[in-house]
Amino acid sequence: DDEKSIRNVLKDILGNEGFVVSEAADGEEGLEKFTNQNFD
């Protein structure tokens, strides 16, 4: 998500639920992380 505030809110909520969270600020960075790492 390109909105940092949205990423922060979602990261806090999901972190509290016990999930491991990674972030990307745009689709290009997201695709690079998605390609090189395994996400559930």
PDB file of all heavy atoms in Angstrom:
ATOM      1  N   ASP A   1       0.856  -1.189   0.000  1.00  0.00           N
ATOM      2  CA  ASP A   1       0.000   0.000   0.000  1.00  0.00           C
ATOM      3  C   ASP A   1       0.890   1.237   0.000  1.00  0.00           C
ATOM      4  O   ASP A   1       1.885   1.284   0.728  1.00  0.00           O
ATOM      5  CB  ASP A   1      -0.911   0.003   1.233  1.00  0.00           C
ATOM      6  CG  ASP A   1      -2.109   0.921   1.049  1.00  0.00           C
ATOM      7  OD1 ASP A   1      -1.896   2.124   0.745  1.00  0.00           O
ATOM      8  OD2 ASP A   1      -3.253   0.454   1.213  1.00  0.00           O
ATOM      9  N   ASP A   2       0.540   2.237  -0.821  1.00  0.00           N
ATOM     10  CA  ASP A   2       1.375   3.440  -0.883  1.00  0.00           C
ATOM     11  C   ASP A   2       1.076   4.418   0.261  1.00  0.00           C
ATOM     12  O   ASP A   2       1.781   5.411   0.407  1.00  0.00           O
ATOM     13  CB  ASP A   2       1.209   4.131  -2.240  1.00  0.00           C
ATOM     14  CG  ASP A   2      -0.227   4.553  -2.500  1.00  0.00           C
ATOM     15  OD1 ASP A   2      -1.147   3.869  -1.997  1.00  0.00           O
ATOM     16  OD2 ASP A   2      -0.437   5.558  -3.205  1.00  0.00           O
ATOM     17  N   GLU A   3       0.044   4.152   1.060  1.00  0.00           N
ATOM     18  CA  GLU A   3      -0.264   5.001   2.216  1.00  0.00           C
ATOM     19  C   GLU A   3       0.375   4.404   3.465  1.00  0.00           C
ATOM     20  O   GLU A   3      -0.047   3.349   3.939  1.00  0.00           O
ATOM     21  CB  GLU A   3      -1.775   5.124   2.406  1.00  0.00           C
ATOM     22  CG  GLU A   3      -2.484   5.843   1.263  1.00  0.00           C
ATOM     23  CD  GLU A   3      -3.968   5.978   1.522  1.00  0.00           C
ATOM     24  OE1 GLU A   3      -4.341   6.615   2.530  1.00  0.00           O
ATOM     25  OE2 GLU A   3      -4.749   5.424   0.725  1.00  0.00           O
ATOM     26  N   LYS A   4       1.386   5.092   3.986  1.00  0.00           N
ATOM     27  CA  LYS A   4       2.124   4.594   5.150  1.00  0.00           C
ATOM     28  C   LYS A   4       1.210   4.407   6.358  1.00  0.00           C
ATOM     29  O   LYS A   4       1.360   3.454   7.125  1.00  0.00           O
ATOM     30  CB  LYS A   4       3.274   5.545   5.492  1.00  0.00           C
ATOM     31  CG  LYS A   4       4.199   5.011   6.580  1.00  0.00           C
ATOM     32  CD  LYS A   4       5.426   5.873   6.745  1.00  0.00           C
ATOM     33  CE  LYS A   4       6.329   5.361   7.855  1.00  0.00           C
ATOM     34  NZ  LYS A   4       6.809   3.999   7.636  1.00  0.00           N
ATOM     35  N   SER A   5       0.241   5.328   6.530  1.00  0.00           N
ATOM     36  CA  SER A   5      -0.660   5.233   7.681  1.00  0.00           C
ATOM     37  C   SER A   5      -1.477   3.944   7.640  1.00  0.00           C
ATOM     38  O   SER A   5      -1.676   3.292   8.673  1.00  0.00           O
ATOM     39  CB  SER A   5      -1.594   6.447   7.723  1.00  0.00           C
ATOM     40  OG  SER A   5      -2.347   6.530   6.509  1.00  0.00           O
ATOM     41  N   ILE A   6      -1.934   3.569   6.442  1.00  0.00           N
ATOM     42  CA  ILE A   6      -2.700   2.317   6.291  1.00  0.00           C
ATOM     43  C   ILE A   6      -1.807   1.124   6.607  1.00  0.00           C
ATOM     44  O   ILE A   6      -2.211   0.191   7.320  1.00  0.00           O
ATOM     45  CB  ILE A   6      -3.266   2.190   4.854  1.00  0.00           C
ATOM     46  CG1 ILE A   6      -4.296   3.278   4.583  1.00  0.00           C
ATOM     47  CG2 ILE A   6      -3.869   0.809   4.627  1.00  0.00           C
ATOM     48  CD1 ILE A   6      -5.599   3.116   5.291  1.00  0.00           C
ATOM     49  N   ARG A   7      -0.580   1.147   6.094  1.00  0.00           N
ATOM     50  CA  ARG A   7       0.354   0.037   6.355  1.00  0.00           C
ATOM     51  C   ARG A   7       0.600  -0.099   7.860  1.00  0.00           C
ATOM     52  O   ARG A   7       0.620  -1.209   8.397  1.00  0.00           O
ATOM     53  CB  ARG A   7       1.688   0.262   5.630  1.00  0.00           C
ATOM     54  CG  ARG A   7       1.590   0.278   4.112  1.00  0.00           C
ATOM     55  CD  ARG A   7       2.926  -0.043   3.443  1.00  0.00           C
ATOM     56  NE  ARG A   7       4.016   0.769   3.911  1.00  0.00           N
ATOM     57  CZ  ARG A   7       4.346   1.966   3.421  1.00  0.00           C
ATOM     58  NH1 ARG A   7       3.610   2.490   2.445  1.00  0.00           N
ATOM     59  NH2 ARG A   7       5.388   2.647   3.893  1.00  0.00           N
ATOM     60  N   ASN A   8       0.787   1.049   8.543  1.00  0.00           N
ATOM     61  CA  ASN A   8       1.068   1.010   9.977  1.00  0.00           C
ATOM     62  C   ASN A   8      -0.099   0.430  10.771  1.00  0.00           C
ATOM     63  O   ASN A   8       0.088  -0.398  11.673  1.00  0.00           O
ATOM     64  CB  ASN A   8       1.402   2.410  10.498  1.00  0.00           C
ATOM     65  CG  ASN A   8       2.763   2.884  10.018  1.00  0.00           C
ATOM     66  OD1 ASN A   8       3.601   2.080   9.609  1.00  0.00           O
ATOM     67  ND2 ASN A   8       2.992   4.196  10.046  1.00  0.00           N
ATOM     68  N   VAL A   9      -1.318   0.860  10.422  1.00  0.00           N
ATOM     69  CA  VAL A   9      -2.511   0.353  11.125  1.00  0.00           C
ATOM     70  C   VAL A   9      -2.654  -1.153  10.918  1.00  0.00           C
ATOM     71  O   VAL A   9      -2.854  -1.915  11.879  1.00  0.00           O
ATOM     72  CB  VAL A   9      -3.786   1.089  10.631  1.00  0.00           C
ATOM     73  CG1 VAL A   9      -5.048   0.384  11.147  1.00  0.00           C
ATOM     74  CG2 VAL A   9      -3.773   2.530  11.085  1.00  0.00           C
ATOM     75  N   LEU A  10      -2.547  -1.583   9.666  1.00  0.00           N
ATOM     76  CA  LEU A  10      -2.691  -3.015   9.366  1.00  0.00           C
ATOM     77  C   LEU A  10      -1.579  -3.832  10.015  1.00  0.00           C
ATOM     78  O   LEU A  10      -1.815  -4.925  10.541  1.00  0.00           O
ATOM     79  CB  LEU A  10      -2.693  -3.238   7.845  1.00  0.00           C
ATOM     80  CG  LEU A  10      -3.918  -2.715   7.088  1.00  0.00           C
ATOM     81  CD1 LEU A  10      -3.727  -2.890   5.586  1.00  0.00           C
ATOM     82  CD2 LEU A  10      -5.182  -3.435   7.535  1.00  0.00           C
ATOM     83  N   LYS A  11      -0.356  -3.275  10.006  1.00  0.00           N
ATOM     84  CA  LYS A  11       0.772  -3.999  10.607  1.00  0.00           C
ATOM     85  C   LYS A  11       0.556  -4.182  12.105  1.00  0.00           C
ATOM     86  O   LYS A  11       0.814  -5.273  12.652  1.00  0.00           O
ATOM     87  CB  LYS A  11       2.076  -3.239  10.346  1.00  0.00           C
ATOM     88  CG  LYS A  11       3.313  -3.996  10.820  1.00  0.00           C
ATOM     89  CD  LYS A  11       4.590  -3.277  10.417  1.00  0.00           C
ATOM     90  CE  LYS A  11       5.817  -4.088  10.827  1.00  0.00           C
ATOM     91  NZ  LYS A  11       7.082  -3.427  10.428  1.00  0.00           N
ATOM     92  N   ASP A  12       0.069  -3.143  12.780  1.00  0.00           N
ATOM     93  CA  ASP A  12      -0.174  -3.245  14.227  1.00  0.00           C
ATOM     94  C   ASP A  12      -1.262  -4.271  14.528  1.00  0.00           C
ATOM     95  O   ASP A  12      -1.110  -5.115  15.424  1.00  0.00           O
ATOM     96  CB  ASP A  12      -0.584  -1.871  14.784  1.00  0.00           C
ATOM     97  CG  ASP A  12       0.581  -0.892  14.828  1.00  0.00           C
ATOM     98  OD1 ASP A  12       1.741  -1.355  14.746  1.00  0.00           O
ATOM     99  OD2 ASP A  12       0.337   0.321  14.931  1.00  0.00           O
ATOM    100  N   ILE A  13      -2.350  -4.211  13.774  1.00  0.00           N
ATOM    101  CA  ILE A  13      -3.468  -5.129  14.015  1.00  0.00           C
ATOM    102  C   ILE A  13      -3.060  -6.580  13.760  1.00  0.00           C
ATOM    103  O   ILE A  13      -3.299  -7.468  14.574  1.00  0.00           O
ATOM    104  CB  ILE A  13      -4.670  -4.746  13.118  1.00  0.00           C
ATOM    105  CG1 ILE A  13      -5.242  -3.403  13.561  1.00  0.00           C
ATOM    106  CG2 ILE A  13      -5.747  -5.828  13.169  1.00  0.00           C
ATOM    107  CD1 ILE A  13      -6.214  -2.809  12.585  1.00  0.00           C
ATOM    108  N   LEU A  14      -2.416  -6.803  12.615  1.00  0.00           N
ATOM    109  CA  LEU A  14      -2.022  -8.176  12.261  1.00  0.00           C
ATOM    110  C   LEU A  14      -0.917  -8.682  13.175  1.00  0.00           C
ATOM    111  O   LEU A  14      -0.866  -9.873  13.513  1.00  0.00           O
ATOM    112  CB  LEU A  14      -1.589  -8.238  10.791  1.00  0.00           C
ATOM    113  CG  LEU A  14      -2.682  -7.905   9.766  1.00  0.00           C
ATOM    114  CD1 LEU A  14      -2.108  -7.914   8.350  1.00  0.00           C
ATOM    115  CD2 LEU A  14      -3.839  -8.877   9.872  1.00  0.00           C
ATOM    116  N   GLY A  15      -0.012  -7.773  13.579  1.00  0.00           N
ATOM    117  CA  GLY A  15       1.038  -8.161  14.522  1.00  0.00           C
ATOM    118  C   GLY A  15       0.452  -8.608  15.845  1.00  0.00           C
ATOM    119  O   GLY A  15       0.901  -9.600  16.446  1.00  0.00           O
ATOM    120  N   ASN A  16      -0.576  -7.901  16.317  1.00  0.00           N
ATOM    121  CA  ASN A  16      -1.241  -8.278  17.566  1.00  0.00           C
ATOM    122  C   ASN A  16      -1.965  -9.618  17.461  1.00  0.00           C
ATOM    123  O   ASN A  16      -2.191 -10.293  18.470  1.00  0.00           O
ATOM    124  CB  ASN A  16      -2.252  -7.190  17.980  1.00  0.00           C
ATOM    125  CG  ASN A  16      -1.561  -5.922  18.448  1.00  0.00           C
ATOM    126  OD1 ASN A  16      -0.410  -5.964  18.896  1.00  0.00           O
ATOM    127  ND2 ASN A  16      -2.243  -4.789  18.330  1.00  0.00           N
ATOM    128  N   GLU A  17      -2.338  -9.976  16.227  1.00  0.00           N
ATOM    129  CA  GLU A  17      -3.010 -11.263  16.004  1.00  0.00           C
ATOM    130  C   GLU A  17      -2.010 -12.412  15.842  1.00  0.00           C
ATOM    131  O   GLU A  17      -2.403 -13.561  15.621  1.00  0.00           O
ATOM    132  CB  GLU A  17      -3.890 -11.185  14.749  1.00  0.00           C
ATOM    133  CG  GLU A  17      -5.084 -10.268  14.881  1.00  0.00           C
ATOM    134  CD  GLU A  17      -6.117 -10.780  15.889  1.00  0.00           C
ATOM    135  OE1 GLU A  17      -6.352 -12.011  15.914  1.00  0.00           O
ATOM    136  OE2 GLU A  17      -6.671  -9.956  16.642  1.00  0.00           O
ATOM    137  N   GLY A  18      -0.713 -12.085  15.904  1.00  0.00           N
ATOM    138  CA  GLY A  18       0.309 -13.133  15.842  1.00  0.00           C
ATOM    139  C   GLY A  18       0.891 -13.390  14.470  1.00  0.00           C
ATOM    140  O   GLY A  18       1.663 -14.345  14.281  1.00  0.00           O
ATOM    141  N   PHE A  19       0.540 -12.541  13.479  1.00  0.00           N
ATOM    142  CA  PHE A  19       1.084 -12.730  12.141  1.00  0.00           C
ATOM    143  C   PHE A  19       2.427 -12.022  11.992  1.00  0.00           C
ATOM    144  O   PHE A  19       2.690 -11.010  12.647  1.00  0.00           O
ATOM    145  CB  PHE A  19       0.119 -12.171  11.086  1.00  0.00           C
ATOM    146  CG  PHE A  19      -1.214 -12.863  11.047  1.00  0.00           C
ATOM    147  CD1 PHE A  19      -2.376 -12.186  11.405  1.00  0.00           C
ATOM    148  CD2 PHE A  19      -1.324 -14.189  10.662  1.00  0.00           C
ATOM    149  CE1 PHE A  19      -3.614 -12.807  11.374  1.00  0.00           C
ATOM    150  CE2 PHE A  19      -2.555 -14.831  10.633  1.00  0.00           C
ATOM    151  CZ  PHE A  19      -3.705 -14.132  10.996  1.00  0.00           C
ATOM    152  N   VAL A  20       3.285 -12.571  11.120  1.00  0.00           N
ATOM    153  CA  VAL A  20       4.538 -11.909  10.752  1.00  0.00           C
ATOM    154  C   VAL A  20       4.247 -11.043   9.530  1.00  0.00           C
ATOM    155  O   VAL A  20       3.731 -11.538   8.520  1.00  0.00           O
ATOM    156  CB  VAL A  20       5.643 -12.942  10.424  1.00  0.00           C
ATOM    157  CG1 VAL A  20       6.909 -12.238   9.966  1.00  0.00           C
ATOM    158  CG2 VAL A  20       5.926 -13.822  11.639  1.00  0.00           C
ATOM    159  N   VAL A  21       4.550  -9.746   9.618  1.00  0.00           N
ATOM    160  CA  VAL A  21       4.135  -8.809   8.575  1.00  0.00           C
ATOM    161  C   VAL A  21       5.339  -8.165   7.882  1.00  0.00           C
ATOM    162  O   VAL A  21       6.278  -7.725   8.533  1.00  0.00           O
ATOM    163  CB  VAL A  21       3.231  -7.703   9.169  1.00  0.00           C
ATOM    164  CG1 VAL A  21       2.793  -6.731   8.068  1.00  0.00           C
ATOM    165  CG2 VAL A  21       2.013  -8.321   9.844  1.00  0.00           C
ATOM    166  N   SER A  22       5.283  -8.116   6.545  1.00  0.00           N
ATOM    167  CA  SER A  22       6.250  -7.369   5.741  1.00  0.00           C
ATOM    168  C   SER A  22       5.493  -6.288   4.985  1.00  0.00           C
ATOM    169  O   SER A  22       4.287  -6.418   4.729  1.00  0.00           O
ATOM    170  CB  SER A  22       6.977  -8.285   4.753  1.00  0.00           C
ATOM    171  OG  SER A  22       7.773  -9.221   5.436  1.00  0.00           O
ATOM    172  N   GLU A  23       6.210  -5.210   4.610  1.00  0.00           N
ATOM    173  CA  GLU A  23       5.560  -4.085   3.942  1.00  0.00           C
ATOM    174  C   GLU A  23       6.216  -3.776   2.599  1.00  0.00           C
ATOM    175  O   GLU A  23       7.401  -4.051   2.397  1.00  0.00           O
ATOM    176  CB  GLU A  23       5.648  -2.815   4.796  1.00  0.00           C
ATOM    177  CG  GLU A  23       5.036  -2.902   6.158  1.00  0.00           C
ATOM    178  CD  GLU A  23       5.289  -1.611   6.935  1.00  0.00           C
ATOM    179  OE1 GLU A  23       4.918  -0.525   6.432  1.00  0.00           O
ATOM    180  OE2 GLU A  23       5.882  -1.687   8.027  1.00  0.00           O
ATOM    181  N   ALA A  24       5.420  -3.167   1.700  1.00  0.00           N
ATOM    182  CA  ALA A  24       5.937  -2.624   0.444  1.00  0.00           C
ATOM    183  C   ALA A  24       5.147  -1.357   0.143  1.00  0.00           C
ATOM    184  O   ALA A  24       3.919  -1.321   0.308  1.00  0.00           O
ATOM    185  CB  ALA A  24       5.788  -3.635  -0.680  1.00  0.00           C
ATOM    186  N   ALA A  25       5.858  -0.297  -0.313  1.00  0.00           N
ATOM    187  CA  ALA A  25       5.229   1.009  -0.506  1.00  0.00           C
ATOM    188  C   ALA A  25       4.616   1.193  -1.891  1.00  0.00           C
ATOM    189  O   ALA A  25       3.916   2.179  -2.132  1.00  0.00           O
ATOM    190  CB  ALA A  25       6.257   2.117  -0.253  1.00  0.00           C
ATOM    191  N   ASP A  26       4.872   0.255  -2.807  1.00  0.00           N
ATOM    192  CA  ASP A  26       4.246   0.334  -4.128  1.00  0.00           C
ATOM    193  C   ASP A  26       4.245  -1.060  -4.758  1.00  0.00           C
ATOM    194  O   ASP A  26       4.856  -1.998  -4.233  1.00  0.00           O
ATOM    195  CB  ASP A  26       4.979   1.333  -5.035  1.00  0.00           C
ATOM    196  CG  ASP A  26       6.465   1.024  -5.187  1.00  0.00           C
ATOM    197  OD1 ASP A  26       6.785  -0.069  -5.691  1.00  0.00           O
ATOM    198  OD2 ASP A  26       7.289   1.873  -4.788  1.00  0.00           O
ATOM    199  N   GLY A  27       3.559  -1.177  -5.883  1.00  0.00           N
ATOM    200  CA  GLY A  27       3.411  -2.481  -6.516  1.00  0.00           C
ATOM    201  C   GLY A  27       4.712  -3.084  -6.994  1.00  0.00           C
ATOM    202  O   GLY A  27       4.908  -4.296  -6.950  1.00  0.00           O
ATOM    203  N   GLU A  28       5.636  -2.225  -7.445  1.00  0.00           N
ATOM    204  CA  GLU A  28       6.922  -2.720  -7.944  1.00  0.00           C
ATOM    205  C   GLU A  28       7.734  -3.353  -6.826  1.00  0.00           C
ATOM    206  O   GLU A  28       8.286  -4.450  -6.970  1.00  0.00           O
ATOM    207  CB  GLU A  28       7.691  -1.552  -8.573  1.00  0.00           C
ATOM    208  CG  GLU A  28       8.736  -1.983  -9.575  1.00  0.00           C
ATOM    209  CD  GLU A  28       9.295  -0.792 -10.345  1.00  0.00           C
ATOM    210  OE1 GLU A  28      10.256  -0.178  -9.826  1.00  0.00           O
ATOM    211  OE2 GLU A  28       8.772  -0.482 -11.426  1.00  0.00           O
ATOM    212  N   GLU A  29       7.812  -2.656  -5.670  1.00  0.00           N
ATOM    213  CA  GLU A  29       8.524  -3.204  -4.516  1.00  0.00           C
ATOM    214  C   GLU A  29       7.811  -4.461  -4.006  1.00  0.00           C
ATOM    215  O   GLU A  29       8.457  -5.439  -3.619  1.00  0.00           O
ATOM    216  CB  GLU A  29       8.591  -2.159  -3.399  1.00  0.00           C
ATOM    217  CG  GLU A  29       9.358  -2.632  -2.163  1.00  0.00           C
ATOM    218  CD  GLU A  29       9.272  -1.663  -0.983  1.00  0.00           C
ATOM    219  OE1 GLU A  29       8.710  -0.557  -1.160  1.00  0.00           O
ATOM    220  OE2 GLU A  29       9.750  -2.022   0.108  1.00  0.00           O
ATOM    221  N   GLY A  30       6.473  -4.432  -4.038  1.00  0.00           N
ATOM    222  CA  GLY A  30       5.701  -5.589  -3.598  1.00  0.00           C
ATOM    223  C   GLY A  30       5.962  -6.812  -4.442  1.00  0.00           C
ATOM    224  O   GLY A  30       6.124  -7.923  -3.931  1.00  0.00           O
ATOM    225  N   LEU A  31       6.037  -6.614  -5.764  1.00  0.00           N
ATOM    226  CA  LEU A  31       6.269  -7.745  -6.665  1.00  0.00           C
ATOM    227  C   LEU A  31       7.663  -8.319  -6.460  1.00  0.00           C
ATOM    228  O   LEU A  31       7.859  -9.539  -6.514  1.00  0.00           O
ATOM    229  CB  LEU A  31       6.085  -7.302  -8.119  1.00  0.00           C
ATOM    230  CG  LEU A  31       6.140  -8.415  -9.173  1.00  0.00           C
ATOM    231  CD1 LEU A  31       5.071  -9.461  -8.923  1.00  0.00           C
ATOM    232  CD2 LEU A  31       6.001  -7.841 -10.576  1.00  0.00           C
ATOM    233  N   GLU A  32       8.645  -7.447  -6.206  1.00  0.00           N
ATOM    234  CA  GLU A  32      10.011  -7.919  -5.956  1.00  0.00           C
ATOM    235  C   GLU A  32      10.061  -8.782  -4.691  1.00  0.00           C
ATOM    236  O   GLU A  32      10.653  -9.858  -4.682  1.00  0.00           O
ATOM    237  CB  GLU A  32      10.960  -6.729  -5.810  1.00  0.00           C
ATOM    238  CG  GLU A  32      12.425  -7.138  -5.639  1.00  0.00           C
ATOM    239  CD  GLU A  32      13.360  -5.955  -5.513  1.00  0.00           C
ATOM    240  OE1 GLU A  32      12.918  -4.814  -5.774  1.00  0.00           O
ATOM    241  OE2 GLU A  32      14.524  -6.168  -5.145  1.00  0.00           O
ATOM    242  N   LYS A  33       9.394  -8.315  -3.614  1.00  0.00           N
ATOM    243  CA  LYS A  33       9.367  -9.093  -2.370  1.00  0.00           C
ATOM    244  C   LYS A  33       8.582 -10.394  -2.547  1.00  0.00           C
ATOM    245  O   LYS A  33       8.983 -11.451  -2.058  1.00  0.00           O
ATOM    246  CB  LYS A  33       8.753  -8.264  -1.242  1.00  0.00           C
ATOM    247  CG  LYS A  33       9.670  -7.163  -0.734  1.00  0.00           C
ATOM    248  CD  LYS A  33       9.135  -6.519   0.546  1.00  0.00           C
ATOM    249  CE  LYS A  33      10.155  -5.513   1.106  1.00  0.00           C
ATOM    250  NZ  LYS A  33       9.707  -4.919   2.379  1.00  0.00           N
ATOM    251  N   PHE A  34       7.476 -10.308  -3.269  1.00  0.00           N
ATOM    252  CA  PHE A  34       6.635 -11.488  -3.515  1.00  0.00           C
ATOM    253  C   PHE A  34       7.403 -12.546  -4.298  1.00  0.00           C
ATOM    254  O   PHE A  34       7.265 -13.746  -4.059  1.00  0.00           O
ATOM    255  CB  PHE A  34       5.380 -11.071  -4.281  1.00  0.00           C
ATOM    256  CG  PHE A  34       4.403 -12.183  -4.537  1.00  0.00           C
ATOM    257  CD1 PHE A  34       3.492 -12.577  -3.565  1.00  0.00           C
ATOM    258  CD2 PHE A  34       4.385 -12.845  -5.759  1.00  0.00           C
ATOM    259  CE1 PHE A  34       2.590 -13.607  -3.803  1.00  0.00           C
ATOM    260  CE2 PHE A  34       3.486 -13.866  -6.008  1.00  0.00           C
ATOM    261  CZ  PHE A  34       2.587 -14.247  -5.021  1.00  0.00           C
ATOM    262  N   THR A  35       8.230 -12.093  -5.241  1.00  0.00           N
ATOM    263  CA  THR A  35       9.008 -13.016  -6.078  1.00  0.00           C
ATOM    264  C   THR A  35      10.107 -13.711  -5.276  1.00  0.00           C
ATOM    265  O   THR A  35      10.346 -14.909  -5.451  1.00  0.00           O
ATOM    266  CB  THR A  35       9.638 -12.254  -7.267  1.00  0.00           C
ATOM    267  OG1 THR A  35       8.614 -11.597  -8.004  1.00  0.00           O
ATOM    268  CG2 THR A  35      10.394 -13.199  -8.185  1.00  0.00           C
ATOM    269  N   ASN A  36      10.754 -12.964  -4.400  1.00  0.00           N
ATOM    270  CA  ASN A  36      11.946 -13.482  -3.711  1.00  0.00           C
ATOM    271  C   ASN A  36      11.661 -14.121  -2.359  1.00  0.00           C
ATOM    272  O   ASN A  36      12.540 -14.768  -1.783  1.00  0.00           O
ATOM    273  CB  ASN A  36      12.961 -12.351  -3.527  1.00  0.00           C
ATOM    274  CG  ASN A  36      13.464 -11.820  -4.860  1.00  0.00           C
ATOM    275  OD1 ASN A  36      13.663 -12.577  -5.799  1.00  0.00           O
ATOM    276  ND2 ASN A  36      13.645 -10.510  -4.965  1.00  0.00           N
ATOM    277  N   GLN A  37      10.465 -13.922  -1.810  1.00  0.00           N
ATOM    278  CA  GLN A  37      10.126 -14.505  -0.517  1.00  0.00           C
ATOM    279  C   GLN A  37       8.826 -15.294  -0.634  1.00  0.00           C
ATOM    280  O   GLN A  37       8.054 -15.114  -1.566  1.00  0.00           O
ATOM    281  CB  GLN A  37       9.952 -13.394   0.540  1.00  0.00           C
ATOM    282  CG  GLN A  37      11.225 -12.602   0.823  1.00  0.00           C
ATOM    283  CD  GLN A  37      10.953 -11.433   1.750  1.00  0.00           C
ATOM    284  OE1 GLN A  37      11.180 -10.274   1.402  1.00  0.00           O
ATOM    285  NE2 GLN A  37      10.457 -11.717   2.941  1.00  0.00           N
ATOM    286  N   ASN A  38       8.594 -16.178   0.334  1.00  0.00           N
ATOM    287  CA  ASN A  38       7.357 -16.956   0.357  1.00  0.00           C
ATOM    288  C   ASN A  38       6.411 -16.394   1.413  1.00  0.00           C
ATOM    289  O   ASN A  38       6.742 -16.386   2.606  1.00  0.00           O
ATOM    290  CB  ASN A  38       7.647 -18.431   0.646  1.00  0.00           C
ATOM    291  CG  ASN A  38       8.310 -19.114  -0.533  1.00  0.00           C
ATOM    292  OD1 ASN A  38       7.963 -18.863  -1.680  1.00  0.00           O
ATOM    293  ND2 ASN A  38       9.296 -19.965  -0.262  1.00  0.00           N
ATOM    294  N   PHE A  39       5.278 -15.894   0.978  1.00  0.00           N
ATOM    295  CA  PHE A  39       4.262 -15.356   1.878  1.00  0.00           C
ATOM    296  C   PHE A  39       3.036 -16.263   1.864  1.00  0.00           C
ATOM    297  O   PHE A  39       2.719 -16.886   0.854  1.00  0.00           O
ATOM    298  CB  PHE A  39       3.872 -13.936   1.466  1.00  0.00           C
ATOM    299  CG  PHE A  39       4.996 -12.933   1.600  1.00  0.00           C
ATOM    300  CD1 PHE A  39       5.749 -12.563   0.498  1.00  0.00           C
ATOM    301  CD2 PHE A  39       5.302 -12.386   2.836  1.00  0.00           C
ATOM    302  CE1 PHE A  39       6.785 -11.658   0.617  1.00  0.00           C
ATOM    303  CE2 PHE A  39       6.346 -11.472   2.963  1.00  0.00           C
ATOM    304  CZ  PHE A  39       7.089 -11.108   1.864  1.00  0.00           C
ATOM    305  N   ASP A  40       2.349 -16.294   2.993  1.00  0.00           N
ATOM    306  CA  ASP A  40       1.127 -17.099   3.081  1.00  0.00           C
ATOM    307  C   ASP A  40      -0.083 -16.338   2.566  1.00  0.00           C
ATOM    308  O   ASP A  40      -1.089 -16.952   2.192  1.00  0.00           O
ATOM    309  CB  ASP A  40       0.888 -17.533   4.532  1.00  0.00           C
ATOM    310  CG  ASP A  40       2.009 -18.416   5.043  1.00  0.00           C
ATOM    311  OD1 ASP A  40       2.122 -19.556   4.559  1.00  0.00           O
ATOM    312  OD2 ASP A  40       2.787 -17.966   5.904  1.00  0.00           O
TER     313      ASP A  40
END
